Amino acid sequence: MKLLFTLGALLPLYALAEEHLYSYDPSHEYGPDNWADIDIEDNQCGGSAQSGIDIPTSGCDDFVDYKFSAGTCTSNDMNYTLSGHAIQVTYLSDQCEPPSMRVPNQANKFIASQFHMHTGSDHAIDGAYFGADLHLVHAEENGDRFSVLGLFVVPTNPSDSPIFGDLLTGWEAAANATAAACVGATTQSDEHRQRALLKAQRHLAAFNFYDLVPEGATMYQYNGSLTTPPCSEIVLWNVIDTPLSISVREYVRLTSLVLEYTDPSTCELASVAAPSGSTGRPLQPLNGRTIQRLCPTALEGVLPSDEGGDSGSSGRRVLGSVTDAALGLAGLMF
């Protein structure tokens, strides 16, 4: 019962900004530099513990293990939605047991509620940005915080990713449904979209988000905020250091979903992306916060605890030459 109350109280924060005008375009009245001026309840976008940040590489601060539970949700318990700033899948928790995780040094379990994607990345490592972000949002059981598992995505794989491709098919079915409704779809086209969605659902029947976490990956953990208004400072971030690799073709499909988003209420294009195509928030100051690199116990003795990293990188660049090429194909320069 406590969990249901917590979810009901916290989850609207992620949707709150959708009801208000905001943008990633720096020239917009409510571009990122002006989010603190948006008139919404408890706006914390001007706070001192904001996300995302530039993460300097470091050695392992501790060797500990996250504990992941897949839950019982199947593809039939996943609701695909799109918005102007991200694409999202919500777990229908009244129908199944959502995924959950135990975070080192945290007493309470965190229950997954949804995952979503941004073009561009909210975080950087040593000044390097990534092609996209995949965020699995968890609500604290018997608590009042979020814990987000952040996975970078890069288009460096010569082959398609079957699992990621099926997720894209689900989002494309939702986008096509809106487009068809706006032009007056035929029954035949509705059936075609439904068949595509059912095919993706069959492939994702045993989908476990945590399977996307690369084996042996380490986590950068710190206290921060939501990366969209109201930017509430209630998030324990766990940023995975190893990106998920997808194909250029899949990356173009992803960016098209965000940049060509159509508002179903107006049937007009309504992406709030920056001119570059990014829906990642500009980096925020660390302001003295501590970042811990948590490494799996299996790597103790393999990864040094005093491993150094050059944190002096500057400028907005995307990691990897293949990523640069992919961004060019997609018409994006982050």
Protein backbone atom coordinates (compact mmCIF):
# COMPACT_ATOMS: atom_id res chain seq x y z
CA MET A 1 0.00 0.00 0.00
CA LYS A 2 2.84 2.34 0.79
CA LEU A 3 4.38 1.65 -2.61
CA LEU A 4 1.18 2.55 -4.43
CA PHE A 5 0.97 5.79 -2.49
CA THR A 6 4.60 6.61 -3.30
CA LEU A 7 4.17 5.89 -6.99
CA GLY A 8 1.05 8.01 -7.10
CA ALA A 9 2.85 10.89 -5.45
CA LEU A 10 6.09 10.76 -7.41
CA LEU A 11 5.28 9.70 -10.94
CA PRO A 12 3.29 12.83 -11.90
CA LEU A 13 6.52 14.81 -11.51
CA TYR A 14 7.87 13.14 -14.64
CA ALA A 15 4.76 14.12 -16.58
CA LEU A 16 4.29 17.58 -15.08
CA ALA A 17 6.44 19.42 -17.60
CA GLU A 18 4.44 17.99 -20.48
CA GLU A 19 1.51 20.15 -19.41
CA HIS A 20 3.61 23.30 -19.71
CA LEU A 21 5.60 24.97 -22.43
CA TYR A 22 9.32 24.25 -22.24
CA SER A 23 12.00 23.56 -24.78
CA TYR A 24 15.59 22.43 -25.32
CA ASP A 25 16.06 25.28 -27.82
CA PRO A 26 18.34 27.89 -26.16
CA SER A 27 16.56 30.69 -28.02
CA HIS A 28 13.12 29.66 -26.75
CA GLU A 29 11.45 31.72 -24.02
CA TYR A 30 11.57 28.64 -21.83
CA GLY A 31 14.79 27.10 -23.08
CA PRO A 32 17.03 25.25 -20.60
CA ASP A 33 18.61 28.41 -19.18
CA ASN A 34 15.12 29.67 -18.28
CA TRP A 35 13.57 26.50 -16.86
CA ALA A 36 13.86 27.94 -13.35
CA ASP A 37 11.44 30.69 -14.43
CA ILE A 38 8.65 28.30 -15.47
CA ASP A 39 5.62 28.84 -13.25
CA ILE A 40 5.01 25.32 -11.94
CA GLU A 41 4.66 24.06 -8.40
CA ASP A 42 7.92 23.49 -6.49
CA ASN A 43 10.14 24.31 -9.46
CA GLN A 44 13.68 23.33 -8.41
CA CYS A 45 15.44 23.84 -11.76
CA GLY A 46 17.60 26.56 -10.22
CA GLY A 47 18.70 24.36 -7.32
CA SER A 48 22.21 23.35 -6.30
CA ALA A 49 21.91 19.58 -6.85
CA GLN A 50 20.81 19.42 -10.48
CA SER A 51 21.30 16.76 -13.18
CA GLY A 52 22.93 15.81 -15.50
CA ILE A 53 26.58 16.44 -14.88
CA ASP A 54 29.98 15.81 -16.45
CA ILE A 55 31.39 12.70 -14.78
CA PRO A 56 35.19 12.51 -14.48
CA THR A 57 36.55 8.99 -14.83
CA SER A 58 37.97 7.59 -11.63
CA GLY A 59 39.07 4.40 -9.95
CA CYS A 60 36.65 2.14 -8.10
CA ASP A 61 35.53 3.63 -4.79
CA ASP A 62 33.96 0.34 -3.70
CA PHE A 63 33.41 -3.20 -4.99
CA VAL A 64 29.74 -3.98 -4.46
CA ASP A 65 26.90 -5.57 -6.43
CA TYR A 66 23.53 -4.23 -7.53
CA LYS A 67 20.78 -6.83 -7.25
CA PHE A 68 18.27 -6.87 -10.10
CA SER A 69 14.91 -8.66 -10.16
CA ALA A 70 13.15 -9.05 -13.51
CA GLY A 71 9.62 -9.10 -12.03
CA THR A 72 6.69 -10.71 -13.86
CA CYS A 73 5.77 -8.03 -16.41
CA THR A 74 5.67 -9.15 -20.03
CA SER A 75 5.32 -7.13 -23.22
CA ASN A 76 1.54 -7.17 -22.70
CA ASP A 77 2.11 -5.12 -19.54
CA MET A 78 4.09 -2.37 -21.31
CA ASN A 79 2.42 0.81 -22.57
CA TYR A 80 4.26 2.69 -25.36
CA THR A 81 3.89 6.48 -25.42
CA LEU A 82 5.62 9.43 -27.09
CA SER A 83 6.08 13.06 -26.13
CA GLY A 84 7.91 16.08 -27.43
CA HIS A 85 11.04 15.38 -25.39
CA ALA A 86 11.24 11.59 -25.07
CA ILE A 87 9.73 8.23 -25.92
CA GLN A 88 8.58 6.06 -23.05
CA VAL A 89 7.39 2.64 -21.93
CA THR A 90 5.33 2.45 -18.73
CA TYR A 91 4.91 -0.74 -16.75
CA LEU A 92 1.25 -1.44 -15.92
CA SER A 93 1.98 -2.30 -12.30
CA ASP A 94 -1.65 -3.15 -11.53
CA GLN A 95 -1.31 -6.12 -13.88
CA CYS A 96 2.12 -7.48 -12.93
CA GLU A 97 5.11 -7.20 -10.62
CA PRO A 98 7.46 -4.60 -12.16
CA PRO A 99 11.24 -5.01 -12.26
CA SER A 100 13.12 -3.85 -9.18
CA MET A 101 16.63 -3.34 -7.91
CA ARG A 102 18.56 -3.22 -4.68
CA VAL A 103 21.11 -0.41 -4.70
CA PRO A 104 24.31 -0.75 -2.62
CA ASN A 105 24.24 1.17 0.66
CA GLN A 106 20.49 1.86 0.34
CA ALA A 107 18.04 0.25 2.78
CA ASN A 108 14.94 0.26 0.59
CA LYS A 109 14.18 -1.54 -2.64
CA PHE A 110 13.48 0.53 -5.77
CA ILE A 111 10.56 -0.48 -8.03
CA ALA A 112 10.69 0.28 -11.76
CA SER A 113 7.81 2.36 -13.12
CA GLN A 114 8.92 3.32 -16.65
CA PHE A 115 11.84 3.76 -18.97
CA HIS A 116 12.31 6.48 -21.55
CA MET A 117 14.84 7.75 -24.07
CA HIS A 118 16.31 11.12 -24.97
CA THR A 119 18.26 12.02 -28.09
CA GLY A 120 21.65 13.25 -27.00
CA SER A 121 22.64 12.56 -23.40
CA ASP A 122 21.89 14.30 -20.11
CA HIS A 123 25.27 13.22 -18.75
CA ALA A 124 28.79 13.23 -20.15
CA ILE A 125 31.95 11.35 -19.20
CA ASP A 126 35.13 13.42 -19.31
CA GLY A 127 33.31 15.94 -21.47
CA ALA A 128 32.16 13.34 -24.01
CA TYR A 129 28.45 13.13 -24.82
CA PHE A 130 26.67 10.08 -26.21
CA GLY A 131 24.15 9.54 -29.00
CA ALA A 132 21.17 8.90 -26.69
CA ASP A 133 20.14 8.14 -23.12
CA LEU A 134 17.99 5.28 -21.85
CA HIS A 135 16.66 5.90 -18.32
CA LEU A 136 14.95 3.24 -16.19
CA VAL A 137 13.06 5.14 -13.49
CA HIS A 138 12.47 3.47 -10.12
CA ALA A 139 10.40 4.70 -7.17
CA GLU A 140 11.61 3.96 -3.66
CA GLU A 141 9.54 1.42 -1.76
CA ASN A 142 8.53 2.88 1.61
CA GLY A 143 10.37 6.08 0.72
CA ASP A 144 10.10 9.32 -1.20
CA ARG A 145 12.87 9.24 -3.80
CA PHE A 146 13.59 8.02 -7.30
CA SER A 147 16.57 5.95 -8.34
CA VAL A 148 17.36 6.11 -12.05
CA LEU A 149 19.50 3.61 -13.93
CA GLY A 150 21.07 5.56 -16.78
CA LEU A 151 22.36 3.76 -19.87
CA PHE A 152 24.16 5.59 -22.68
CA VAL A 153 23.34 4.50 -26.25
CA VAL A 154 25.72 4.76 -29.21
CA PRO A 155 25.18 3.74 -32.87
CA THR A 156 28.42 1.77 -33.24
CA ASN A 157 27.09 -1.73 -33.91
CA PRO A 158 27.28 -2.97 -37.53
CA SER A 159 24.23 -5.14 -36.84
CA ASP A 160 20.77 -4.33 -35.51
CA SER A 161 19.94 -5.12 -31.90
CA PRO A 162 16.90 -7.46 -31.95
CA ILE A 163 15.64 -6.39 -28.52
CA PHE A 164 16.14 -2.67 -29.12
CA GLY A 165 14.64 -2.99 -32.59
CA ASP A 166 11.48 -4.52 -31.13
CA LEU A 167 11.21 -1.64 -28.67
CA LEU A 168 11.45 0.77 -31.60
CA THR A 169 8.69 -1.16 -33.38
CA GLY A 170 6.43 -0.66 -30.37
CA TRP A 171 7.09 3.07 -30.32
CA GLU A 172 6.64 3.31 -34.08
CA ALA A 173 3.27 1.60 -33.79
CA ALA A 174 2.20 4.27 -31.29
CA ALA A 175 3.49 7.03 -33.59
CA ASN A 176 1.76 5.52 -36.62
CA ALA A 177 -1.52 5.29 -34.71
CA THR A 178 -1.40 9.04 -34.05
CA ALA A 179 -0.43 9.84 -37.64
CA ALA A 180 -3.22 7.66 -38.99
CA ALA A 181 -5.81 9.19 -36.68
CA CYS A 182 -4.82 12.64 -37.89
CA VAL A 183 -5.39 11.77 -41.55
CA GLY A 184 -8.27 9.34 -41.11
CA ALA A 185 -6.92 5.79 -41.03
CA THR A 186 -8.57 2.85 -42.74
CA THR A 187 -9.39 -0.34 -40.87
CA GLN A 188 -6.77 -2.12 -42.95
CA SER A 189 -3.99 0.23 -41.86
CA ASP A 190 -5.09 -0.12 -38.23
CA GLU A 191 -4.82 -3.87 -38.56
CA HIS A 192 -1.36 -3.56 -40.11
CA ARG A 193 -0.10 -1.46 -37.18
CA GLN A 194 -1.65 -3.87 -34.70
CA ARG A 195 0.10 -6.82 -36.35
CA ALA A 196 3.44 -4.98 -36.15
CA LEU A 197 2.91 -4.26 -32.46
CA LEU A 198 1.88 -7.84 -31.71
CA LYS A 199 5.00 -9.10 -33.49
CA ALA A 200 7.19 -6.88 -31.33
CA GLN A 201 5.32 -8.01 -28.22
CA ARG A 202 5.89 -11.67 -29.05
CA HIS A 203 9.63 -11.06 -29.38
CA LEU A 204 9.64 -9.11 -26.10
CA ALA A 205 7.52 -11.61 -24.19
CA ALA A 206 10.36 -12.33 -21.77
CA PHE A 207 11.89 -8.83 -21.95
CA ASN A 208 14.07 -7.98 -18.97
CA PHE A 209 15.40 -4.41 -19.02
CA TYR A 210 18.38 -5.35 -16.88
CA ASP A 211 19.60 -7.64 -19.66
CA LEU A 212 20.57 -4.44 -21.49
CA VAL A 213 23.14 -3.63 -18.80
CA PRO A 214 26.53 -4.65 -20.27
CA GLU A 215 28.27 -7.44 -18.37
CA GLY A 216 30.96 -6.12 -16.04
CA ALA A 217 29.73 -2.52 -16.28
CA THR A 218 30.41 -0.18 -13.38
CA MET A 219 28.16 2.56 -12.03
CA TYR A 220 28.76 6.21 -11.28
CA GLN A 221 26.42 7.09 -8.41
CA TYR A 222 25.50 10.53 -7.10
CA ASN A 223 22.53 12.51 -5.74
CA GLY A 224 20.77 14.74 -8.24
CA SER A 225 17.49 15.68 -9.84
CA LEU A 226 14.99 15.01 -12.56
CA THR A 227 16.39 16.29 -15.87
CA THR A 228 13.12 17.95 -16.94
CA PRO A 229 11.02 20.55 -15.11
CA PRO A 230 10.29 20.73 -12.21
CA CYS A 231 13.83 19.27 -11.82
CA SER A 232 12.98 17.91 -8.35
CA GLU A 233 16.12 17.08 -6.38
CA ILE A 234 14.98 13.60 -5.29
CA VAL A 235 16.98 11.30 -7.57
CA LEU A 236 19.77 8.85 -6.78
CA TRP A 237 21.50 8.51 -10.14
CA ASN A 238 23.28 5.31 -11.20
CA VAL A 239 25.01 6.04 -14.51
CA ILE A 240 26.39 2.96 -16.28
CA ASP A 241 29.88 3.53 -17.67
CA THR A 242 29.54 1.16 -20.65
CA PRO A 243 27.13 2.21 -23.45
CA LEU A 244 24.62 0.04 -25.26
CA SER A 245 25.62 -0.31 -28.92
CA ILE A 246 22.90 -0.19 -31.59
CA SER A 247 23.08 0.16 -35.36
CA VAL A 248 23.05 3.44 -37.29
CA ARG A 249 19.75 2.37 -38.86
CA GLU A 250 18.18 1.92 -35.41
CA TYR A 251 19.56 5.27 -34.28
CA VAL A 252 17.96 7.04 -37.22
CA ARG A 253 14.64 5.36 -36.35
CA LEU A 254 15.04 6.58 -32.76
CA THR A 255 15.76 10.19 -33.69
CA SER A 256 12.87 10.22 -36.15
CA LEU A 257 10.47 9.23 -33.37
CA VAL A 258 11.57 12.21 -31.25
CA LEU A 259 12.09 14.84 -33.95
CA GLU A 260 8.93 13.97 -35.89
CA TYR A 261 6.69 13.69 -32.84
CA THR A 262 3.09 14.69 -33.62
CA ASP A 263 0.84 16.00 -30.85
CA PRO A 264 -2.32 13.87 -31.06
CA SER A 265 -4.46 16.72 -29.77
CA THR A 266 -3.41 19.16 -32.52
CA CYS A 267 -2.01 16.84 -35.22
CA GLU A 268 0.96 19.19 -35.50
CA LEU A 269 4.68 18.52 -35.12
CA ALA A 270 5.51 19.26 -31.50
CA SER A 271 9.08 18.21 -30.76
CA VAL A 272 10.82 20.42 -28.18
CA ALA A 273 14.30 19.37 -29.33
CA ALA A 274 17.12 21.86 -29.71
CA PRO A 275 18.09 22.87 -33.28
CA SER A 276 20.84 20.24 -33.01
CA GLY A 277 18.18 17.57 -32.45
CA SER A 278 19.12 17.01 -28.81
CA THR A 279 16.61 16.50 -26.01
CA GLY A 280 19.38 16.23 -23.45
CA ARG A 281 19.67 18.91 -20.78
CA PRO A 282 22.85 21.01 -20.74
CA LEU A 283 25.31 19.91 -18.05
CA GLN A 284 24.81 21.28 -14.55
CA PRO A 285 27.48 22.24 -11.97
CA LEU A 286 28.49 19.56 -9.49
CA ASN A 287 28.55 22.07 -6.61
CA GLY A 288 30.67 19.91 -4.34
CA ARG A 289 28.63 16.74 -4.64
CA THR A 290 30.39 13.39 -4.36
CA ILE A 291 30.41 10.92 -7.26
CA GLN A 292 31.16 7.31 -6.38
CA ARG A 293 32.25 4.70 -8.89
CA LEU A 294 30.77 1.38 -7.77
CA CYS A 295 32.34 -1.69 -9.37
CA PRO A 296 31.06 -5.30 -9.29
CA THR A 297 32.76 -7.61 -6.80
CA ALA A 298 33.76 -9.91 -9.66
CA LEU A 299 36.16 -7.21 -10.84
CA GLU A 300 37.91 -6.73 -7.50
CA GLY A 301 41.58 -7.23 -8.15
CA VAL A 302 41.02 -6.68 -11.88
CA LEU A 303 40.10 -3.00 -11.84
CA PRO A 304 42.42 -0.88 -9.68
CA SER A 305 40.89 1.29 -7.01
CA ASP A 306 43.36 4.07 -7.78
CA GLU A 307 42.76 4.12 -11.55
CA GLY A 308 43.10 7.71 -12.73
CA GLY A 309 41.29 9.55 -15.47
CA ASP A 310 41.80 12.79 -17.30
CA SER A 311 38.85 14.98 -16.34
CA GLY A 312 40.15 17.99 -18.20
CA SER A 313 38.21 17.39 -21.41
CA SER A 314 36.01 20.24 -22.51
CA GLY A 315 33.62 21.11 -25.29
CA ARG A 316 30.53 19.32 -26.51
CA ARG A 317 31.63 16.22 -28.38
CA VAL A 318 30.05 12.83 -28.98
CA LEU A 319 32.02 9.75 -28.07
CA GLY A 320 33.28 7.66 -30.97
CA SER A 321 33.96 8.35 -34.64
CA VAL A 322 31.19 5.98 -35.73
CA THR A 323 28.81 7.92 -33.52
CA ASP A 324 29.86 11.13 -35.25
CA ALA A 325 29.11 9.54 -38.62
CA ALA A 326 25.73 8.33 -37.40
CA LEU A 327 24.81 11.76 -36.13
CA GLY A 328 25.63 13.18 -39.52
CA LEU A 329 23.33 10.67 -41.19
CA ALA A 330 20.57 11.59 -38.78
CA GLY A 331 21.07 15.31 -39.39
CA LEU A 332 22.21 15.86 -35.81
CA MET A 333 25.31 17.44 -34.35
CA PHE A 334 25.42 17.32 -30.58
